Amino acid sequence: MTAPPATLARTHEVFNQSTPWADMNLFTTNQPLQDALRLHAPGLGVADLTALGAEMGSAEMQTHARLANTHKPQLRTHDRFGHRTDVVEFHPSYHALMGAALRHGLHATPWSRQDTGHAHVERAAGFMLFTEAEPSILCPVSMSYAVTPALRGNAAVWADWSKGLAATQYDPRLALFSQKSALTMGMGMTEKQGGSDVRANTTQAVPDGDDAWGARYRITGHKWFFSAPMCDAFLILAQAPGGLTCFFLPRVRPDDTVNAIRIQRLKDKLGNHANASSEVEFIDAMAWRVGEEGRGVAQILEMGTMTRLDCALGTSGLMRQALSIALHHTRQRSAFGKKLIEQPLMRNVLADLALESEAATALSIRLASAFDHKDKSEHEAVMARLLTPVAKFWVCKRGSVFAQEAMECLGGNGYVEEGGEGVMARIYREMPLNSIWEGAGNIMALDLMRAVRRADAAAALDAELAPARGAHPALDRLAGALPLRVDAMTTEAEARRLAQDVALAVQAALLLRSAPGAVFRAFCDSRLSGDWGYSFGTLGAGVNLDAILARALPA
């Protein structure tokens, strides 16, 4: 017998599915971030962050994020008449996102408003909130932030470009710098034969006289990873007569002609789809020296410090978004007669993820705070040097496994690409990037080795952990041993373990100061005392899951 049409229609009725995580204020619902800001930037006004949290949590911005990643950048090397153009075309949603990022001052503005004393912390919080909506387009934003202080190595270029780099009215046109309402910058450091070993670079810089911007050179060579090729200018490395040197290379030269940057192809990446990463060749391109000849490595290290901060911030933001989606889903989805969030095993998983997310936020904001004060405090300068590779290493390493576990909370719905919660799959594909970009794990461990060779490194770490003495036996044991390990560190093979343990100790000490006791104790018991398994969701029986979950995402 054929079923009546009404019966068939009922089979398509949708129930027991969660709503999208949309039209939520990402800042006001993030208590861990708010408390980290109170600790490191007391008195900081949060009106701008509240507005940014509302905008980035909106369904409109989620749509822009989806479209910018679905419609990937397209390279147009030539026009229909055969003229070389080297233009990358983006979906309008990409430009909408870029406009929002600059409007909220997430690029170079901290360098122009340091009088608040918290410019880098405030920008860090905003960067994390924006990352929750869409991380890919923040690549040129992060590079603009990183290269701005290095650009001061050429006073004439800085004088002409600093105002545009701090401007907030996004301008995507290919035009002379003086004709644009705002400017962005990128970097080109690695080559196919060297990767992180930039001393192996073969790109050549030949002196070409002097002009208003100083020593001018002709550049011939290539770059294997050249992100955001539509930026207005780039800092690159090339071999000058005096050795590896940093150069300023604009897309449009001062005479209003396009520079000889040939885009060979765009990278086909696992994630980060909204951002254009490219391979390029320079054919007698025009560039100007930044700093002294032979000092290129020192310049790139300064820039790398800034981008590594953003890697930790970006991963922390993605963790927070993945956690929020998982909590939102499990509050609405039912299984075996209960809401998922009421199931004991799920509660353990979610609480464990919440601990990891809050610890990542605490460490990342602490590092940003060190940037705010490193020019005024020797302790902050040392901590900035120590915590940059530590945070980049540990927070980013935790990102991929975190995203996988959060995705599992949604089951198959988390694995699909479409729909409001398809963002979880995008987060998962994005996570490995921050761990790889600007130096993978081993590079960070080596950088930490260089940092701990300073005579005051052990003392600075001891002082950083001192406020937490006596708060937890496991933290006391780890904190007591770390300065000795720093002093005795002689072999590279132990450097990754040291980075991990420094990260965990500093995270625990920070949570003591910014989080409730239940969060601090659970973190120490699991991460430091060993009352933990080998995956998320293995917290011990004594953990106050209710308190941790209530803090993670207010109802």
Protein backbone atom coordinates (compact mmCIF):
# COMPACT_ATOMS: atom_id res chain seq x y z
CA MET A 1 0.00 0.00 0.00
CA THR A 2 1.28 3.46 -0.87
CA ALA A 3 1.71 5.79 2.08
CA PRO A 4 -0.33 9.00 2.05
CA PRO A 5 1.62 12.10 0.99
CA ALA A 6 1.30 13.58 4.50
CA THR A 7 3.12 10.58 5.97
CA LEU A 8 5.93 10.93 3.45
CA ALA A 9 6.24 14.62 4.24
CA ARG A 10 6.79 13.84 7.92
CA THR A 11 9.96 11.90 7.08
CA HIS A 12 11.55 15.20 6.03
CA GLU A 13 10.72 16.97 9.26
CA VAL A 14 13.95 18.26 10.86
CA PHE A 15 14.27 17.94 14.63
CA ASN A 16 16.96 17.32 17.24
CA GLN A 17 19.42 19.48 15.32
CA SER A 18 21.17 22.51 16.78
CA THR A 19 20.88 26.03 15.46
CA PRO A 20 23.92 27.74 13.95
CA TRP A 21 26.32 29.48 16.32
CA ALA A 22 25.51 32.92 14.93
CA ASP A 23 24.48 36.40 16.00
CA MET A 24 26.35 35.97 19.26
CA ASN A 25 28.74 38.53 20.75
CA LEU A 26 32.08 36.75 20.74
CA PHE A 27 33.54 39.11 23.34
CA THR A 28 30.81 39.36 25.95
CA THR A 29 30.39 35.57 25.94
CA ASN A 30 34.14 35.00 26.42
CA GLN A 31 34.81 35.30 30.14
CA PRO A 32 38.37 33.90 29.99
CA LEU A 33 39.41 36.60 27.52
CA GLN A 34 37.78 39.33 29.59
CA ASP A 35 39.58 38.15 32.73
CA ALA A 36 42.93 37.94 30.92
CA LEU A 37 42.46 41.56 29.84
CA ARG A 38 41.65 42.63 33.41
CA LEU A 39 44.89 41.02 34.58
CA HIS A 40 47.20 42.44 31.93
CA ALA A 41 45.44 45.65 30.91
CA PRO A 42 43.54 46.94 33.96
CA GLY A 43 41.34 49.87 33.11
CA LEU A 44 41.28 49.06 29.40
CA GLY A 45 38.05 50.24 27.82
CA VAL A 46 36.25 47.39 26.10
CA ALA A 47 33.66 49.26 24.03
CA ASP A 48 35.58 48.68 20.80
CA LEU A 49 36.10 45.00 21.58
CA THR A 50 32.43 44.60 22.42
CA ALA A 51 31.50 46.11 19.06
CA LEU A 52 34.01 43.89 17.28
CA GLY A 53 32.70 40.82 19.11
CA ALA A 54 29.16 41.58 17.94
CA GLU A 55 30.25 42.14 14.34
CA MET A 56 32.44 39.04 14.13
CA GLY A 57 29.74 36.88 15.70
CA SER A 58 27.10 38.05 13.25
CA ALA A 59 25.53 35.83 10.62
CA GLU A 60 26.55 38.42 8.04
CA MET A 61 30.24 38.00 8.79
CA GLN A 62 29.87 34.22 8.85
CA THR A 63 28.44 34.43 5.35
CA HIS A 64 31.36 36.57 4.20
CA ALA A 65 33.77 34.04 5.71
CA ARG A 66 32.08 31.15 3.92
CA LEU A 67 32.00 32.91 0.57
CA ALA A 68 35.60 34.13 0.79
CA ASN A 69 36.77 30.56 1.39
CA THR A 70 34.43 28.91 -1.13
CA HIS A 71 35.38 31.28 -3.95
CA LYS A 72 39.16 31.10 -3.76
CA PRO A 73 41.48 33.80 -5.13
CA GLN A 74 42.10 33.57 -8.87
CA LEU A 75 45.38 34.47 -10.55
CA ARG A 76 45.25 36.48 -13.79
CA THR A 77 48.77 36.58 -15.22
CA HIS A 78 47.80 38.25 -18.53
CA ASP A 79 44.95 40.26 -19.95
CA ARG A 80 43.11 39.18 -23.12
CA PHE A 81 45.53 41.15 -25.28
CA GLY A 82 48.58 39.33 -23.93
CA HIS A 83 49.85 42.03 -21.58
CA ARG A 84 51.36 40.82 -18.32
CA THR A 85 49.10 41.81 -15.40
CA ASP A 86 50.02 39.57 -12.40
CA VAL A 87 46.75 40.31 -10.62
CA VAL A 88 44.93 38.16 -8.06
CA GLU A 89 41.16 38.55 -8.06
CA PHE A 90 39.17 38.05 -4.85
CA HIS A 91 35.49 37.51 -4.08
CA PRO A 92 33.76 40.65 -2.75
CA SER A 93 33.44 38.95 0.66
CA TYR A 94 37.23 38.93 0.95
CA HIS A 95 37.26 42.70 0.57
CA ALA A 96 34.42 43.06 3.07
CA LEU A 97 36.46 41.11 5.63
CA MET A 98 39.64 43.05 4.90
CA GLY A 99 37.72 46.29 5.29
CA ALA A 100 36.48 45.19 8.71
CA ALA A 101 39.95 44.13 9.86
CA LEU A 102 41.50 47.48 8.97
CA ARG A 103 38.54 49.43 10.28
CA HIS A 104 39.08 47.82 13.68
CA GLY A 105 42.81 48.58 13.59
CA LEU A 106 44.14 45.01 13.57
CA HIS A 107 47.05 45.84 11.24
CA ALA A 108 49.67 48.47 11.98
CA THR A 109 47.71 50.79 14.26
CA PRO A 110 49.37 49.66 17.55
CA TRP A 111 52.54 51.36 16.38
CA SER A 112 50.72 54.68 16.15
CA ARG A 113 48.78 54.60 19.44
CA GLN A 114 51.13 53.23 22.09
CA ASP A 115 50.25 55.99 24.57
CA THR A 116 47.54 53.76 26.11
CA GLY A 117 50.15 51.34 27.42
CA HIS A 118 48.00 48.42 26.23
CA ALA A 119 47.99 48.85 22.45
CA HIS A 120 49.33 45.37 21.71
CA VAL A 121 47.06 43.65 24.24
CA GLU A 122 43.98 45.39 22.88
CA ARG A 123 44.97 44.57 19.33
CA ALA A 124 45.70 40.95 20.36
CA ALA A 125 42.20 40.55 21.80
CA GLY A 126 40.70 41.98 18.63
CA PHE A 127 42.84 39.69 16.47
CA MET A 128 41.55 36.67 18.39
CA LEU A 129 37.93 37.76 18.02
CA PHE A 130 38.34 38.31 14.28
CA THR A 131 40.03 34.93 13.89
CA GLU A 132 36.91 33.26 15.24
CA ALA A 133 35.02 34.57 12.21
CA GLU A 134 37.70 34.19 9.53
CA PRO A 135 41.46 33.68 9.96
CA SER A 136 42.69 33.49 6.35
CA ILE A 137 42.44 37.15 5.44
CA LEU A 138 44.44 38.08 8.55
CA CYS A 139 47.64 37.00 6.81
CA PRO A 140 48.27 40.42 5.18
CA VAL A 141 46.94 42.08 8.33
CA SER A 142 49.48 40.22 10.47
CA MET A 143 52.34 40.93 8.07
CA SER A 144 51.50 44.64 8.03
CA TYR A 145 51.70 44.56 11.83
CA ALA A 146 55.01 42.72 11.78
CA VAL A 147 56.93 44.71 9.18
CA THR A 148 55.97 48.18 10.33
CA PRO A 149 58.64 48.57 13.06
CA ALA A 150 61.31 47.05 10.80
CA LEU A 151 60.48 49.58 8.11
CA ARG A 152 61.89 52.29 10.34
CA GLY A 153 65.28 51.00 9.18
CA ASN A 154 64.73 53.21 6.15
CA ALA A 155 63.71 56.62 7.49
CA ALA A 156 62.69 58.01 4.10
CA VAL A 157 60.39 55.11 3.24
CA TRP A 158 58.97 55.19 6.76
CA ALA A 159 58.16 58.88 6.43
CA ASP A 160 56.21 58.27 3.23
CA TRP A 161 54.46 55.01 4.18
CA SER A 162 53.82 55.11 7.95
CA LYS A 163 50.63 57.16 7.72
CA GLY A 164 49.08 54.87 5.12
CA LEU A 165 50.04 51.77 7.05
CA ALA A 166 48.22 53.08 10.13
CA ALA A 167 45.15 54.18 8.15
CA THR A 168 41.92 52.24 8.59
CA GLN A 169 40.03 52.81 5.33
CA TYR A 170 40.82 49.70 3.27
CA ASP A 171 41.74 50.34 -0.37
CA PRO A 172 42.20 47.24 -2.58
CA ARG A 173 43.30 49.12 -5.71
CA LEU A 174 46.65 48.64 -7.39
CA ALA A 175 47.85 52.23 -7.23
CA LEU A 176 50.72 54.47 -6.17
CA PHE A 177 51.05 54.60 -2.38
CA SER A 178 50.31 58.32 -2.22
CA GLN A 179 46.96 57.81 -4.00
CA LYS A 180 45.59 55.18 -1.59
CA SER A 181 43.51 55.61 1.58
CA ALA A 182 45.34 52.76 3.38
CA LEU A 183 48.28 50.49 2.73
CA THR A 184 49.16 46.88 3.54
CA MET A 185 52.47 45.05 3.44
CA GLY A 186 53.66 41.49 3.03
CA MET A 187 56.90 39.56 3.29
CA GLY A 188 58.94 37.37 0.99
CA MET A 189 61.71 35.48 2.77
CA THR A 190 61.86 31.77 1.89
CA GLU A 191 63.10 30.19 -1.32
CA LYS A 192 62.57 26.72 -2.71
CA GLN A 193 66.06 25.46 -1.88
CA GLY A 194 66.27 26.83 1.65
CA GLY A 195 62.94 27.19 3.42
CA SER A 196 63.61 28.31 6.99
CA ASP A 197 67.34 28.41 6.24
CA VAL A 198 67.19 31.87 4.69
CA ARG A 199 71.00 32.07 4.61
CA ALA A 200 70.74 29.68 1.65
CA ASN A 201 68.82 32.32 -0.36
CA THR A 202 70.13 32.95 -3.87
CA THR A 203 68.11 36.01 -4.91
CA GLN A 204 70.56 38.73 -5.90
CA ALA A 205 70.47 42.48 -5.19
CA VAL A 206 72.64 44.70 -7.38
CA PRO A 207 73.23 48.36 -6.33
CA ASP A 208 71.44 50.81 -8.63
CA GLY A 209 72.27 54.24 -7.22
CA ASP A 210 70.51 56.42 -4.66
CA ASP A 211 67.30 58.47 -4.66
CA ALA A 212 64.80 59.97 -2.22
CA TRP A 213 64.28 56.57 -0.56
CA GLY A 214 67.98 55.91 -0.14
CA ALA A 215 70.08 53.09 -1.57
CA ARG A 216 68.26 51.52 -4.54
CA TYR A 217 68.90 47.99 -5.85
CA ARG A 218 67.82 45.76 -8.73
CA ILE A 219 66.46 42.38 -7.53
CA THR A 220 66.59 39.16 -9.54
CA GLY A 221 65.47 35.85 -8.11
CA HIS A 222 62.43 34.12 -6.65
CA LYS A 223 60.40 33.46 -3.51
CA TRP A 224 58.79 30.09 -2.85
CA PHE A 225 56.20 31.39 -0.36
CA PHE A 226 55.04 34.92 -1.09
CA SER A 227 51.83 35.45 0.82
CA ALA A 228 49.24 38.06 -0.04
CA PRO A 229 50.83 39.19 -3.34
CA MET A 230 48.23 41.95 -3.67
CA CYS A 231 49.75 43.90 -0.77
CA ASP A 232 51.14 47.33 -1.63
CA ALA A 233 54.74 46.49 -0.73
CA PHE A 234 56.89 43.74 0.73
CA LEU A 235 59.98 43.29 2.81
CA ILE A 236 62.18 40.66 1.19
CA LEU A 237 65.62 39.14 1.69
CA ALA A 238 68.26 39.11 -1.03
CA GLN A 239 72.02 38.69 -1.30
CA ALA A 240 73.68 42.10 -1.64
CA PRO A 241 77.43 42.64 -2.01
CA GLY A 242 77.66 42.89 1.78
CA GLY A 243 75.61 39.75 2.46
CA LEU A 244 71.99 38.84 3.11
CA THR A 245 70.05 42.10 3.34
CA CYS A 246 66.48 43.30 3.90
CA PHE A 247 64.80 45.30 1.11
CA PHE A 248 61.60 47.27 0.66
CA LEU A 249 59.93 46.25 -2.59
CA PRO A 250 56.73 48.11 -3.64
CA ARG A 251 54.26 46.75 -6.19
CA VAL A 252 54.03 50.19 -7.78
CA ARG A 253 57.30 52.13 -8.12
CA PRO A 254 57.57 55.85 -7.28
CA ASP A 255 57.26 56.73 -10.98
CA ASP A 256 53.78 55.07 -10.98
CA THR A 257 54.87 52.04 -13.01
CA VAL A 258 54.25 48.46 -11.88
CA ASN A 259 57.28 46.72 -10.41
CA ALA A 260 58.65 43.52 -11.96
CA ILE A 261 57.04 40.99 -9.61
CA ARG A 262 55.97 37.99 -11.69
CA ILE A 263 53.40 35.73 -9.96
CA GLN A 264 54.08 32.18 -11.18
CA ARG A 265 51.18 30.44 -9.49
CA LEU A 266 49.04 30.38 -6.35
CA LYS A 267 49.59 27.65 -3.79
CA ASP A 268 46.88 24.99 -3.55
CA LYS A 269 46.72 24.71 0.24
CA LEU A 270 45.04 22.40 2.73
CA GLY A 271 43.26 25.38 4.30
CA ASN A 272 43.64 29.15 4.46
CA HIS A 273 41.65 29.26 1.24
CA ALA A 274 40.59 32.91 1.32
CA ASN A 275 44.22 34.07 1.37
CA ALA A 276 46.40 34.04 -1.73
CA SER A 277 49.81 32.46 -1.18
CA SER A 278 52.03 32.52 -4.22
CA GLU A 279 55.32 31.73 -5.87
CA VAL A 280 56.96 34.71 -7.55
CA GLU A 281 59.97 35.71 -9.60
CA PHE A 282 61.68 39.09 -9.60
CA ILE A 283 62.97 40.16 -12.99
CA ASP A 284 65.20 43.15 -12.32
CA ALA A 285 62.67 44.48 -9.80
CA MET A 286 63.35 47.75 -8.00
CA ALA A 287 63.84 47.75 -4.22
CA TRP A 288 65.33 49.93 -1.48
CA ARG A 289 67.60 48.79 1.32
CA VAL A 290 66.20 48.62 4.87
CA GLY A 291 68.96 48.70 7.46
CA GLU A 292 72.55 47.80 6.72
CA GLU A 293 73.85 45.38 4.16
CA GLY A 294 74.41 41.95 5.69
CA ARG A 295 71.90 42.54 8.52
CA GLY A 296 68.95 40.83 6.86
CA VAL A 297 68.71 37.97 9.36
CA ALA A 298 68.44 40.39 12.28
CA GLN A 299 65.63 42.20 10.48
CA ILE A 300 63.69 39.01 9.77
CA LEU A 301 64.02 37.88 13.39
CA GLU A 302 62.41 41.11 14.52
CA MET A 303 59.54 40.64 12.09
CA GLY A 304 59.22 36.97 12.93
CA THR A 305 58.66 37.80 16.58
CA MET A 306 55.52 39.73 15.68
CA THR A 307 54.07 37.15 13.32
CA ARG A 308 54.74 34.38 15.83
CA LEU A 309 52.67 36.23 18.38
CA ASP A 310 49.86 36.28 15.82
CA CYS A 311 50.22 32.54 15.26
CA ALA A 312 49.56 31.93 18.96
CA LEU A 313 46.71 34.46 18.98
CA GLY A 314 45.17 32.96 15.85
CA THR A 315 45.25 29.42 17.20
CA SER A 316 43.77 30.60 20.50
CA GLY A 317 40.94 32.29 18.61
CA LEU A 318 40.25 29.17 16.56
CA MET A 319 40.23 27.07 19.73
CA ARG A 320 37.70 29.40 21.28
CA GLN A 321 35.43 29.27 18.22
CA ALA A 322 35.62 25.47 18.03
CA LEU A 323 34.82 25.20 21.75
CA SER A 324 31.88 27.61 21.45
CA ILE A 325 30.39 25.68 18.54
CA ALA A 326 30.80 22.38 20.42
CA LEU A 327 29.14 23.77 23.56
CA HIS A 328 26.34 25.36 21.56
CA HIS A 329 25.68 22.11 19.68
CA THR A 330 25.74 19.83 22.72
CA ARG A 331 23.34 22.06 24.63
CA GLN A 332 20.69 21.44 21.95
CA ARG A 333 21.36 17.96 20.60
CA SER A 334 19.90 14.99 22.50
CA ALA A 335 21.04 11.36 22.59
CA PHE A 336 20.10 8.43 24.81
CA GLY A 337 17.44 10.45 26.56
CA LYS A 338 19.56 13.47 27.55
CA LYS A 339 21.10 16.56 26.06
CA LEU A 340 24.64 15.76 24.95
CA ILE A 341 26.07 18.26 27.41
CA GLU A 342 24.40 16.34 30.24
CA GLN A 343 26.16 13.10 29.31
CA PRO A 344 29.08 12.45 31.73
CA LEU A 345 31.61 11.54 29.03
CA MET A 346 30.73 14.55 26.91
CA ARG A 347 30.96 16.84 29.92
CA ASN A 348 34.48 15.61 30.57
CA VAL A 349 35.50 16.24 26.97
CA LEU A 350 34.01 19.72 26.88
CA ALA A 351 35.53 20.73 30.22
CA ASP A 352 38.93 19.48 29.11
CA LEU A 353 38.68 21.51 25.90
CA ALA A 354 37.62 24.53 27.93
CA LEU A 355 40.75 24.23 30.10
CA GLU A 356 42.97 24.05 27.02
CA SER A 357 41.28 27.02 25.39
CA GLU A 358 41.50 29.22 28.47
CA ALA A 359 45.16 28.33 29.02
CA ALA A 360 45.96 29.21 25.39
CA THR A 361 44.17 32.54 25.76
CA ALA A 362 46.00 33.33 29.00
CA LEU A 363 49.44 32.62 27.52
CA SER A 364 48.77 34.51 24.29
CA ILE A 365 47.53 37.65 26.03
CA ARG A 366 50.48 37.47 28.45
CA LEU A 367 52.85 37.49 25.48
CA ALA A 368 51.08 40.48 23.95
CA SER A 369 51.44 42.27 27.29
CA ALA A 370 55.19 41.67 27.19
CA PHE A 371 55.28 43.43 23.82
CA ASP A 372 53.56 46.44 25.36
CA HIS A 373 56.19 46.79 28.08
CA LYS A 374 59.43 45.28 26.76
CA ASP A 375 60.95 48.67 25.97
CA LYS A 376 60.41 49.86 29.55
CA SER A 377 61.11 46.72 31.59
CA GLU A 378 64.05 44.34 31.35
CA HIS A 379 61.92 41.53 32.76
CA GLU A 380 59.27 42.07 30.09
CA ALA A 381 61.93 42.17 27.38
CA VAL A 382 63.30 38.80 28.51
CA MET A 383 59.82 37.30 28.80
CA ALA A 384 58.93 38.50 25.31
CA ARG A 385 62.04 36.74 24.03
CA LEU A 386 61.31 33.54 25.97
CA LEU A 387 57.56 33.30 25.55
CA THR A 388 57.42 34.04 21.81
CA PRO A 389 58.84 30.65 20.71
CA VAL A 390 57.19 28.91 23.67
CA ALA A 391 53.68 30.18 22.88
CA LYS A 392 54.12 29.67 19.14
CA PHE A 393 55.32 26.11 19.73
CA TRP A 394 52.88 24.88 22.36
CA VAL A 395 49.63 26.67 21.59
CA CYS A 396 49.91 25.93 17.89
CA LYS A 397 50.89 22.30 18.51
CA ARG A 398 47.72 21.83 20.56
CA GLY A 399 45.51 23.36 17.89
CA SER A 400 45.01 20.45 15.50
CA VAL A 401 44.21 17.82 18.13
CA PHE A 402 41.91 20.34 19.83
CA ALA A 403 40.00 20.94 16.60
CA GLN A 404 39.65 17.22 15.95
CA GLU A 405 38.14 16.62 19.39
CA ALA A 406 35.80 19.59 19.09
CA MET A 407 34.69 18.34 15.67
CA GLU A 408 33.94 14.95 17.17
CA CYS A 409 31.51 16.60 19.59
CA LEU A 410 29.34 17.35 16.55
CA GLY A 411 29.77 13.93 14.99
CA GLY A 412 29.17 13.82 11.25
CA ASN A 413 27.73 17.32 11.29
CA GLY A 414 31.15 18.63 12.23
CA TYR A 415 32.85 16.92 9.31
CA VAL A 416 30.77 18.38 6.51
CA GLU A 417 31.73 21.61 4.82
CA GLU A 418 28.34 23.24 4.25
CA GLY A 419 25.91 24.99 6.54
CA GLY A 420 26.35 27.13 9.63
CA GLU A 421 28.37 24.51 11.48
CA GLY A 422 30.46 23.56 8.47
CA VAL A 423 32.86 26.12 9.90
CA MET A 424 34.22 23.34 12.15
CA ALA A 425 35.73 21.59 9.13
CA ARG A 426 37.26 24.90 8.04
CA ILE A 427 38.77 25.38 11.50
CA TYR A 428 40.26 21.89 11.36
CA ARG A 429 41.89 22.57 7.99
CA GLU A 430 43.19 25.91 9.21
CA MET A 431 44.81 24.71 12.43
CA PRO A 432 48.10 23.27 11.05
CA LEU A 433 48.99 26.54 9.32
CA ASN A 434 49.88 28.49 12.45
CA SER A 435 52.13 25.68 13.61
CA ILE A 436 54.02 25.66 10.29
CA TRP A 437 54.04 29.33 9.27
CA GLU A 438 56.95 31.49 10.49
CA GLY A 439 58.86 28.49 11.76
CA ALA A 440 57.59 25.00 12.59
CA GLY A 441 58.08 23.25 15.93
CA ASN A 442 61.78 22.52 15.60
CA ILE A 443 62.55 26.09 14.55
CA MET A 444 60.71 27.35 17.65
CA ALA A 445 62.63 24.94 19.86
CA LEU A 446 65.92 26.17 18.41
CA ASP A 447 64.80 29.76 18.94
CA LEU A 448 64.07 28.96 22.57
CA MET A 449 67.58 27.51 22.86
CA ARG A 450 68.99 30.85 21.73
CA ALA A 451 66.75 32.71 24.17
CA VAL A 452 67.74 30.67 27.23
CA ARG A 453 71.44 31.26 26.59
CA ARG A 454 70.93 34.76 27.97
CA ALA A 455 72.39 35.01 31.44
CA ASP A 456 69.17 36.43 32.88
CA ALA A 457 66.73 33.96 31.29
CA ALA A 458 66.50 31.56 34.22
CA ALA A 459 66.10 34.38 36.75
CA ALA A 460 63.37 36.02 34.66
CA LEU A 461 61.44 32.75 34.40
CA ASP A 462 61.80 32.19 38.15
CA ALA A 463 60.41 35.68 38.80
CA GLU A 464 57.53 35.09 36.40
CA LEU A 465 56.47 31.96 38.25
CA ALA A 466 57.10 33.31 41.76
CA PRO A 467 53.52 34.58 42.40
CA ALA A 468 52.24 31.02 42.04
CA ARG A 469 54.53 29.45 44.63
CA GLY A 470 52.64 27.36 47.15
CA ALA A 471 49.43 27.27 45.12
CA HIS A 472 49.76 23.68 43.86
CA PRO A 473 52.39 20.98 44.63
CA ALA A 474 52.81 19.93 41.00
CA LEU A 475 53.33 23.50 39.87
CA ASP A 476 55.84 24.03 42.65
CA ARG A 477 57.84 21.01 41.49
CA LEU A 478 57.85 22.09 37.86
CA ALA A 479 58.52 25.76 38.61
CA GLY A 480 61.36 24.83 40.94
CA ALA A 481 63.07 22.67 38.34
CA LEU A 482 62.68 24.87 35.28
CA PRO A 483 65.30 27.56 36.07
CA LEU A 484 67.90 24.83 36.61
CA ARG A 485 66.90 23.15 33.36
CA VAL A 486 67.16 26.49 31.55
CA ASP A 487 70.66 27.06 32.92
CA ALA A 488 71.73 23.52 32.06
CA MET A 489 70.16 23.33 28.60
CA THR A 490 72.94 22.24 26.27
CA THR A 491 71.40 19.82 23.76
CA GLU A 492 68.93 20.57 21.02
CA ALA A 493 67.24 17.20 21.47
CA GLU A 494 65.67 18.39 24.75
CA ALA A 495 64.49 21.78 23.51
CA ARG A 496 60.95 20.76 22.53
CA ARG A 497 60.34 19.25 25.97
CA LEU A 498 61.60 22.44 27.59
CA ALA A 499 59.26 24.55 25.44
CA GLN A 500 56.33 22.36 26.48
CA ASP A 501 57.13 22.53 30.18
CA VAL A 502 57.74 26.29 30.21
CA ALA A 503 54.41 26.77 28.46
CA LEU A 504 52.53 24.60 30.95
CA ALA A 505 54.13 26.23 33.98
CA VAL A 506 53.44 29.76 32.76
CA GLN A 507 49.89 28.85 31.77
CA ALA A 508 49.24 27.42 35.22
CA ALA A 509 50.70 30.49 36.95
CA LEU A 510 48.53 32.76 34.80
CA LEU A 511 45.36 30.76 35.48
CA LEU A 512 45.96 31.16 39.20
CA ARG A 513 45.71 34.92 38.73
CA SER A 514 42.91 35.16 36.16
CA ALA A 515 40.68 32.08 36.50
CA PRO A 516 38.52 30.57 39.25
CA GLY A 517 40.10 28.01 41.55
CA ALA A 518 38.28 25.13 39.86
CA VAL A 519 39.94 25.95 36.54
CA PHE A 520 43.40 26.36 38.06
CA ARG A 521 43.23 23.14 40.09
CA ALA A 522 41.89 21.09 37.19
CA PHE A 523 44.61 22.39 34.89
CA CYS A 524 47.38 21.59 37.36
CA ASP A 525 45.94 18.19 38.31
CA SER A 526 45.64 17.14 34.67
CA ARG A 527 48.54 18.82 32.88
CA LEU A 528 51.11 18.87 35.69
CA SER A 529 50.19 16.08 38.16
CA GLY A 530 49.49 13.43 35.55
CA ASP A 531 45.85 12.81 36.52
CA TRP A 532 45.05 12.75 32.83
CA GLY A 533 45.05 10.34 29.92
CA TYR A 534 46.40 10.63 26.40
CA SER A 535 43.38 12.35 24.88
CA PHE A 536 40.90 15.07 25.76
CA GLY A 537 38.07 13.94 28.02
CA THR A 538 40.24 12.11 30.55
CA LEU A 539 40.05 14.53 33.48
CA GLY A 540 40.10 12.97 36.94
CA ALA A 541 37.01 12.23 39.02
CA GLY A 542 37.59 15.15 41.40
CA VAL A 543 37.35 17.88 38.76
CA ASN A 544 34.49 20.37 39.12
CA LEU A 545 33.06 19.98 35.62
CA ASP A 546 30.02 22.13 36.41
CA ALA A 547 32.11 25.17 37.30
CA ILE A 548 34.38 24.82 34.27
CA LEU A 549 31.51 24.44 31.82
CA ALA A 550 29.52 27.30 33.32
CA ARG A 551 32.54 29.57 32.84
CA ALA A 552 33.33 28.37 29.32
CA LEU A 553 30.16 29.69 27.70
CA PRO A 554 27.51 31.50 29.74
CA ALA A 555 23.94 30.46 29.03
